[in-house]
Amino acid sequence: MSVRPDVVCWYEGMQLLPQHFQLQGLRAEAMAAHLARAANPWYWGVSQLSW
């Protein structure tokens, strides 16, 4: 994923919907992947395989 999702702006009294948690999870995964790529910028090999 090349684009990081926006931060969910949590505030008191906010109606919690499943989409908020989904977006929060997507952002956490994207940030973890970004940090992993930044930690080792010269990786090589197969990164993804789809059939």
PDB file of N, CA and C in Angstrom:
ATOM      1  N   MET A   1       0.858  -1.168   0.000  1.00  0.00           N
ATOM      2  CA  MET A   1       0.000   0.000   0.000  1.00  0.00           C
ATOM      3  C   MET A   1       0.905   1.231   0.000  1.00  0.00           C
ATOM      4  N   SER A   2       0.769   2.073  -1.014  1.00  0.00           N
ATOM      5  CA  SER A   2       1.628   3.241  -1.119  1.00  0.00           C
ATOM      6  C   SER A   2       1.038   4.471  -0.439  1.00  0.00           C
ATOM      7  N   VAL A   3      -0.247   4.483  -0.221  1.00  0.00           N
ATOM      8  CA  VAL A   3      -0.899   5.629   0.414  1.00  0.00           C
ATOM      9  C   VAL A   3      -1.332   5.236   1.818  1.00  0.00           C
ATOM     10  N   ARG A   4      -0.902   6.026   2.798  1.00  0.00           N
ATOM     11  CA  ARG A   4      -1.303   5.748   4.178  1.00  0.00           C
ATOM     12  C   ARG A   4      -2.662   6.371   4.449  1.00  0.00           C
ATOM     13  N   PRO A   5      -3.594   5.600   5.017  1.00  0.00           N
ATOM     14  CA  PRO A   5      -4.916   6.151   5.342  1.00  0.00           C
ATOM     15  C   PRO A   5      -4.822   7.285   6.358  1.00  0.00           C
ATOM     16  N   ASP A   6      -5.805   8.158   6.328  1.00  0.00           N
ATOM     17  CA  ASP A   6      -5.849   9.270   7.273  1.00  0.00           C
ATOM     18  C   ASP A   6      -6.073   8.766   8.693  1.00  0.00           C
ATOM     19  N   VAL A   7      -5.663   9.592   9.640  1.00  0.00           N
ATOM     20  CA  VAL A   7      -5.865   9.285  11.052  1.00  0.00           C
ATOM     21  C   VAL A   7      -7.342   9.473  11.402  1.00  0.00           C
ATOM     22  N   VAL A   8      -7.867   8.567  12.212  1.00  0.00           N
ATOM     23  CA  VAL A   8      -9.238   8.730  12.704  1.00  0.00           C
ATOM     24  C   VAL A   8      -9.189   9.743  13.840  1.00  0.00           C
ATOM     25  N   CYS A   9      -9.977  10.787  13.748  1.00  0.00           N
ATOM     26  CA  CYS A   9     -10.018  11.817  14.792  1.00  0.00           C
ATOM     27  C   CYS A   9     -11.043  11.399  15.847  1.00  0.00           C
ATOM     28  N   TRP A  10     -10.541  10.796  16.917  1.00  0.00           N
ATOM     29  CA  TRP A  10     -11.414  10.348  17.995  1.00  0.00           C
ATOM     30  C   TRP A  10     -11.738  11.536  18.892  1.00  0.00           C
ATOM     31  N   TYR A  11     -12.976  11.660  19.309  1.00  0.00           N
ATOM     32  CA  TYR A  11     -13.347  12.694  20.266  1.00  0.00           C
ATOM     33  C   TYR A  11     -14.465  12.172  21.154  1.00  0.00           C
ATOM     34  N   GLU A  12     -14.586  12.789  22.310  1.00  0.00           N
ATOM     35  CA  GLU A  12     -15.585  12.361  23.285  1.00  0.00           C
ATOM     36  C   GLU A  12     -16.988  12.604  22.737  1.00  0.00           C
ATOM     37  N   GLY A  13     -17.859  11.637  22.911  1.00  0.00           N
ATOM     38  CA  GLY A  13     -19.224  11.741  22.438  1.00  0.00           C
ATOM     39  C   GLY A  13     -19.406  11.281  20.999  1.00  0.00           C
ATOM     40  N   MET A  14     -18.341  10.809  20.392  1.00  0.00           N
ATOM     41  CA  MET A  14     -18.391  10.371  19.001  1.00  0.00           C
ATOM     42  C   MET A  14     -19.128   9.038  18.890  1.00  0.00           C
ATOM     43  N   GLN A  15     -19.973   8.919  17.890  1.00  0.00           N
ATOM     44  CA  GLN A  15     -20.652   7.658  17.641  1.00  0.00           C
ATOM     45  C   GLN A  15     -19.637   6.696  17.026  1.00  0.00           C
ATOM     46  N   LEU A  16     -19.415   5.562  17.682  1.00  0.00           N
ATOM     47  CA  LEU A  16     -18.435   4.596  17.201  1.00  0.00           C
ATOM     48  C   LEU A  16     -19.082   3.665  16.184  1.00  0.00           C
ATOM     49  N   LEU A  17     -18.510   3.638  15.002  1.00  0.00           N
ATOM     50  CA  LEU A  17     -19.006   2.794  13.920  1.00  0.00           C
ATOM     51  C   LEU A  17     -17.908   1.806  13.515  1.00  0.00           C
ATOM     52  N   PRO A  18     -18.283   0.678  12.939  1.00  0.00           N
ATOM     53  CA  PRO A  18     -17.274  -0.304  12.522  1.00  0.00           C
ATOM     54  C   PRO A  18     -16.242   0.273  11.549  1.00  0.00           C
ATOM     55  N   GLN A  19     -16.650   1.241  10.743  1.00  0.00           N
ATOM     56  CA  GLN A  19     -15.726   1.840   9.784  1.00  0.00           C
ATOM     57  C   GLN A  19     -14.565   2.544  10.480  1.00  0.00           C
ATOM     58  N   HIS A  20     -14.810   3.112  11.657  1.00  0.00           N
ATOM     59  CA  HIS A  20     -13.740   3.782  12.389  1.00  0.00           C
ATOM     60  C   HIS A  20     -12.661   2.787  12.793  1.00  0.00           C
ATOM     61  N   PHE A  21     -13.075   1.628  13.283  1.00  0.00           N
ATOM     62  CA  PHE A  21     -12.112   0.613  13.701  1.00  0.00           C
ATOM     63  C   PHE A  21     -11.411  -0.002  12.494  1.00  0.00           C
ATOM     64  N   GLN A  22     -12.128  -0.139  11.381  1.00  0.00           N
ATOM     65  CA  GLN A  22     -11.527  -0.666  10.166  1.00  0.00           C
ATOM     66  C   GLN A  22     -10.442   0.289   9.661  1.00  0.00           C
ATOM     67  N   LEU A  23     -10.734   1.573   9.629  1.00  0.00           N
ATOM     68  CA  LEU A  23      -9.757   2.557   9.180  1.00  0.00           C
ATOM     69  C   LEU A  23      -8.564   2.618  10.122  1.00  0.00           C
ATOM     70  N   GLN A  24      -8.806   2.513  11.422  1.00  0.00           N
ATOM     71  CA  GLN A  24      -7.716   2.516  12.396  1.00  0.00           C
ATOM     72  C   GLN A  24      -6.803   1.309  12.172  1.00  0.00           C
ATOM     73  N   GLY A  25      -7.391   0.144  11.907  1.00  0.00           N
ATOM     74  CA  GLY A  25      -6.606  -1.062  11.641  1.00  0.00           C
ATOM     75  C   GLY A  25      -5.810  -0.962  10.354  1.00  0.00           C
ATOM     76  N   LEU A  26      -6.426  -0.419   9.303  1.00  0.00           N
ATOM     77  CA  LEU A  26      -5.719  -0.239   8.035  1.00  0.00           C
ATOM     78  C   LEU A  26      -4.531   0.698   8.199  1.00  0.00           C
ATOM     79  N   ARG A  27      -4.723   1.766   8.972  1.00  0.00           N
ATOM     80  CA  ARG A  27      -3.619   2.702   9.190  1.00  0.00           C
ATOM     81  C   ARG A  27      -2.486   2.047   9.967  1.00  0.00           C
ATOM     82  N   ALA A  28      -2.835   1.257  10.987  1.00  0.00           N
ATOM     83  CA  ALA A  28      -1.805   0.577  11.779  1.00  0.00           C
ATOM     84  C   ALA A  28      -1.000  -0.386  10.905  1.00  0.00           C
ATOM     85  N   GLU A  29      -1.675  -1.133  10.038  1.00  0.00           N
ATOM     86  CA  GLU A  29      -0.980  -2.054   9.138  1.00  0.00           C
ATOM     87  C   GLU A  29      -0.098  -1.302   8.145  1.00  0.00           C
ATOM     88  N   ALA A  30      -0.597  -0.200   7.611  1.00  0.00           N
ATOM     89  CA  ALA A  30       0.177   0.584   6.652  1.00  0.00           C
ATOM     90  C   ALA A  30       1.402   1.197   7.315  1.00  0.00           C
ATOM     91  N   MET A  31       1.252   1.679   8.530  1.00  0.00           N
ATOM     92  CA  MET A  31       2.391   2.267   9.238  1.00  0.00           C
ATOM     93  C   MET A  31       3.430   1.202   9.581  1.00  0.00           C
ATOM     94  N   ALA A  32       2.986   0.006   9.974  1.00  0.00           N
ATOM     95  CA  ALA A  32       3.921  -1.085  10.271  1.00  0.00           C
ATOM     96  C   ALA A  32       4.698  -1.477   9.013  1.00  0.00           C
ATOM     97  N   ALA A  33       4.020  -1.559   7.879  1.00  0.00           N
ATOM     98  CA  ALA A  33       4.693  -1.884   6.622  1.00  0.00           C
ATOM     99  C   ALA A  33       5.670  -0.780   6.229  1.00  0.00           C
ATOM    100  N   HIS A  34       5.283   0.462   6.423  1.00  0.00           N
ATOM    101  CA  HIS A  34       6.160   1.596   6.106  1.00  0.00           C
ATOM    102  C   HIS A  34       7.425   1.551   6.963  1.00  0.00           C
ATOM    103  N   LEU A  35       7.274   1.296   8.248  1.00  0.00           N
ATOM    104  CA  LEU A  35       8.437   1.224   9.130  1.00  0.00           C
ATOM    105  C   LEU A  35       9.326   0.036   8.790  1.00  0.00           C
ATOM    106  N   ALA A  36       8.738  -1.086   8.396  1.00  0.00           N
ATOM    107  CA  ALA A  36       9.534  -2.249   8.000  1.00  0.00           C
ATOM    108  C   ALA A  36      10.346  -1.948   6.740  1.00  0.00           C
ATOM    109  N   ARG A  37       9.735  -1.249   5.776  1.00  0.00           N
ATOM    110  CA  ARG A  37      10.472  -0.871   4.564  1.00  0.00           C
ATOM    111  C   ARG A  37      11.573   0.138   4.884  1.00  0.00           C
ATOM    112  N   ALA A  38      11.311   1.046   5.798  1.00  0.00           N
ATOM    113  CA  ALA A  38      12.302   2.063   6.146  1.00  0.00           C
ATOM    114  C   ALA A  38      13.481   1.454   6.904  1.00  0.00           C
ATOM    115  N   ALA A  39      13.237   0.388   7.656  1.00  0.00           N
ATOM    116  CA  ALA A  39      14.296  -0.238   8.446  1.00  0.00           C
ATOM    117  C   ALA A  39      15.304  -0.962   7.560  1.00  0.00           C
ATOM    118  N   ASN A  40      14.878  -1.451   6.415  1.00  0.00           N
ATOM    119  CA  ASN A  40      15.767  -2.184   5.523  1.00  0.00           C
ATOM    120  C   ASN A  40      15.484  -1.770   4.079  1.00  0.00           C
ATOM    121  N   PRO A  41      16.021  -0.632   3.644  1.00  0.00           N
ATOM    122  CA  PRO A  41      15.688  -0.120   2.318  1.00  0.00           C
ATOM    123  C   PRO A  41      16.298  -0.918   1.164  1.00  0.00           C
ATOM    124  N   TRP A  42      17.308  -1.776   1.437  1.00  0.00           N
ATOM    125  CA  TRP A  42      17.966  -2.512   0.365  1.00  0.00           C
ATOM    126  C   TRP A  42      17.595  -3.988   0.370  1.00  0.00           C
ATOM    127  N   TYR A  43      16.366  -4.285   0.721  1.00  0.00           N
ATOM    128  CA  TYR A  43      15.942  -5.680   0.710  1.00  0.00           C
ATOM    129  C   TYR A  43      15.880  -6.182  -0.732  1.00  0.00           C
ATOM    130  N   TRP A  44      15.961  -7.480  -0.894  1.00  0.00           N
ATOM    131  CA  TRP A  44      15.854  -8.061  -2.221  1.00  0.00           C
ATOM    132  C   TRP A  44      15.135  -9.392  -2.100  1.00  0.00           C
ATOM    133  N   GLY A  45      14.623  -9.871  -3.203  1.00  0.00           N
ATOM    134  CA  GLY A  45      13.904 -11.135  -3.214  1.00  0.00           C
ATOM    135  C   GLY A  45      12.438 -10.917  -3.537  1.00  0.00           C
ATOM    136  N   VAL A  46      11.669 -11.937  -3.312  1.00  0.00           N
ATOM    137  CA  VAL A  46      10.238 -11.883  -3.598  1.00  0.00           C
ATOM    138  C   VAL A  46       9.527 -11.243  -2.423  1.00  0.00           C
ATOM    139  N   SER A  47       8.802 -10.177  -2.679  1.00  0.00           N
ATOM    140  CA  SER A  47       8.064  -9.514  -1.599  1.00  0.00           C
ATOM    141  C   SER A  47       6.592  -9.878  -1.622  1.00  0.00           C
ATOM    142  N   GLN A  48       6.068 -10.238  -2.807  1.00  0.00           N
ATOM    143  CA  GLN A  48       4.656 -10.596  -2.903  1.00  0.00           C
ATOM    144  C   GLN A  48       4.472 -11.472  -4.129  1.00  0.00           C
ATOM    145  N   LEU A  49       3.641 -12.500  -3.960  1.00  0.00           N
ATOM    146  CA  LEU A  49       3.361 -13.406  -5.058  1.00  0.00           C
ATOM    147  C   LEU A  49       1.871 -13.653  -5.102  1.00  0.00           C
ATOM    148  N   SER A  50       1.270 -13.418  -6.252  1.00  0.00           N
ATOM    149  CA  SER A  50      -0.166 -13.677  -6.387  1.00  0.00           C
ATOM    150  C   SER A  50      -0.389 -14.523  -7.627  1.00  0.00           C
ATOM    151  N   TRP A  51      -1.376 -15.334  -7.582  1.00  0.00           N
ATOM    152  CA  TRP A  51      -1.672 -16.245  -8.679  1.00  0.00           C
ATOM    153  C   TRP A  51      -2.933 -15.844  -9.361  1.00  0.00           C
TER     154      TRP A  51
END
